Amino acid sequence: DVQLVESGGGSVQDGGSLRLSCAARTGTFRSACMGWIRQAPGKEREGVAAIETNYLGGGGTYYADSAKGRFTISRNSAENTVYLHMTNLCPEDTAMYYCAAANHPYILTPMDPSAYYYWGQGTQVTVS
């Protein structure tokens, strides 16, 4: 099994930036499509960004409309880590952010939370 651990969340002011990290405590996700999904109180989980893998360390990236131009997803396959760099944060970005791994390098619906198989415990992002 793959156990994922997120870090980097916190409280920031409107317009601020954060970089979230996701590492595998056990297992590896080098051959998996990875996603960042968030859930705000009272709302459903929402795919924020996803990145495929092409075995060369990179892969196609996908973003929710709300994240385009502000968030950047990246992965370091050598370190088995995925990042989400968030800029120009606003209160609407306040949510628990989860890292998730699919069980395939490519998935048809990378922004669909139900497409992911392994999940971390989440890291809270609060923007005020």
Protein backbone atom coordinates (compact mmCIF):
# COMPACT_ATOMS: atom_id res chain seq x y z
CA ASP A 1 0.00 0.00 0.00
CA VAL A 2 0.92 3.62 -0.48
CA GLN A 3 0.63 5.90 2.54
CA LEU A 4 0.68 9.59 1.70
CA VAL A 5 1.63 12.42 4.03
CA GLU A 6 0.85 16.06 3.27
CA SER A 7 2.56 19.08 4.76
CA GLY A 8 2.84 22.80 4.19
CA GLY A 9 -0.64 23.96 5.09
CA GLY A 10 -1.29 26.88 7.38
CA SER A 11 -2.94 30.25 7.77
CA VAL A 12 -2.16 33.04 5.34
CA GLN A 13 -3.57 36.40 4.47
CA ASP A 14 -5.58 37.14 1.36
CA GLY A 15 -3.14 37.31 -1.54
CA GLY A 16 -0.55 35.13 0.15
CA SER A 17 1.18 31.97 -1.02
CA LEU A 18 1.76 28.45 0.25
CA ARG A 19 3.50 25.37 -1.05
CA LEU A 20 2.01 22.04 -0.14
CA SER A 21 4.08 18.87 -0.24
CA CYS A 22 3.06 15.24 -0.45
CA ALA A 23 5.44 12.38 0.27
CA ALA A 24 4.96 8.65 0.44
CA ARG A 25 5.47 7.28 3.94
CA THR A 26 5.35 3.79 2.50
CA GLY A 27 5.33 2.57 -1.07
CA THR A 28 5.89 4.73 -4.09
CA PHE A 29 3.74 6.74 -6.48
CA ARG A 30 6.35 7.18 -9.20
CA SER A 31 4.07 5.39 -11.68
CA ALA A 32 0.83 7.00 -10.56
CA CYS A 33 -1.20 9.99 -11.60
CA MET A 34 -1.29 12.29 -8.56
CA GLY A 35 -3.89 14.80 -7.56
CA TRP A 36 -4.60 17.50 -5.05
CA ILE A 37 -8.20 17.57 -3.89
CA ARG A 38 -9.74 19.99 -1.43
CA GLN A 39 -12.83 20.02 0.70
CA ALA A 40 -14.28 23.10 2.32
CA PRO A 41 -16.72 22.81 5.24
CA GLY A 42 -20.16 21.83 4.00
CA LYS A 43 -18.97 21.27 0.46
CA GLU A 44 -18.06 18.27 -1.65
CA ARG A 45 -14.51 17.33 -2.47
CA GLU A 46 -13.16 19.23 -5.46
CA GLY A 47 -10.25 18.31 -7.68
CA VAL A 48 -7.79 21.21 -7.74
CA ALA A 49 -4.84 19.94 -9.76
CA ALA A 50 -3.46 16.69 -11.13
CA ILE A 51 -0.25 15.51 -12.73
CA GLU A 52 0.37 12.39 -14.76
CA THR A 53 3.66 10.57 -15.05
CA ASN A 54 5.57 9.65 -18.16
CA TYR A 55 8.37 7.75 -16.39
CA LEU A 56 10.73 10.62 -17.26
CA GLY A 57 9.88 12.59 -14.15
CA GLY A 58 7.15 14.78 -15.59
CA GLY A 59 3.68 14.45 -17.07
CA GLY A 60 0.60 16.27 -18.23
CA THR A 61 -1.00 18.65 -15.76
CA TYR A 62 -4.62 19.57 -15.17
CA TYR A 63 -6.23 22.34 -13.15
CA ALA A 64 -9.64 23.34 -11.94
CA ASP A 65 -10.78 26.65 -13.41
CA SER A 66 -10.48 28.20 -9.95
CA ALA A 67 -6.81 27.16 -9.80
CA LYS A 68 -5.63 28.09 -13.29
CA GLY A 69 -3.04 30.83 -13.28
CA ARG A 70 -2.61 30.66 -9.50
CA PHE A 71 -1.68 27.07 -8.62
CA THR A 72 1.12 24.92 -9.99
CA ILE A 73 1.42 21.19 -9.47
CA SER A 74 4.77 19.48 -9.88
CA ARG A 75 6.45 16.24 -8.96
CA ASN A 76 9.94 15.11 -8.13
CA SER A 77 10.02 11.45 -9.01
CA ALA A 78 13.51 10.96 -7.59
CA GLU A 79 12.26 12.17 -4.21
CA ASN A 80 8.83 10.55 -4.58
CA THR A 81 7.21 13.89 -3.78
CA VAL A 82 4.44 15.98 -5.28
CA TYR A 83 4.00 19.70 -4.70
CA LEU A 84 1.22 22.24 -5.04
CA HIS A 85 2.44 25.81 -5.18
CA MET A 86 -0.44 28.18 -4.51
CA THR A 87 -0.25 31.92 -5.08
CA ASN A 88 -2.69 34.82 -4.82
CA LEU A 89 -4.74 32.85 -2.30
CA CYS A 90 -8.19 34.08 -1.38
CA PRO A 91 -10.67 33.14 1.38
CA GLU A 92 -12.51 30.87 -1.07
CA ASP A 93 -9.41 28.66 -1.13
CA THR A 94 -9.87 27.82 2.55
CA ALA A 95 -10.24 24.05 2.78
CA MET A 96 -8.61 20.81 3.80
CA TYR A 97 -6.25 19.84 1.01
CA TYR A 98 -5.66 16.17 0.29
CA CYS A 99 -3.00 14.50 -1.77
CA ALA A 100 -4.20 11.43 -3.64
CA ALA A 101 -2.69 8.78 -5.89
CA ALA A 102 -4.37 6.89 -8.68
CA ASN A 103 -3.40 3.33 -9.51
CA HIS A 104 -2.38 4.18 -13.07
CA PRO A 105 -0.03 6.70 -14.74
CA TYR A 106 -2.94 8.19 -16.71
CA ILE A 107 -6.61 8.42 -15.80
CA LEU A 108 -9.52 9.59 -17.89
CA THR A 109 -10.89 11.99 -15.29
CA PRO A 110 -7.95 13.44 -13.36
CA MET A 111 -10.10 16.10 -11.73
CA ASP A 112 -12.61 13.59 -10.35
CA PRO A 113 -11.83 12.76 -6.71
CA SER A 114 -13.41 9.32 -7.09
CA ALA A 115 -10.68 8.40 -9.61
CA TYR A 116 -8.04 8.24 -6.87
CA TYR A 117 -7.20 5.17 -4.86
CA TYR A 118 -4.82 6.27 -2.10
CA TRP A 119 -5.36 9.34 0.06
CA GLY A 120 -3.41 11.28 2.65
CA GLN A 121 -4.89 12.66 5.85
CA GLY A 122 -4.98 16.21 4.55
CA THR A 123 -3.45 19.53 5.47
CA GLN A 124 -5.53 22.57 6.38
CA VAL A 125 -5.25 25.81 4.41
CA THR A 126 -6.92 28.88 5.87
CA VAL A 127 -6.97 32.22 4.05
CA SER A 128 -8.29 35.30 5.78
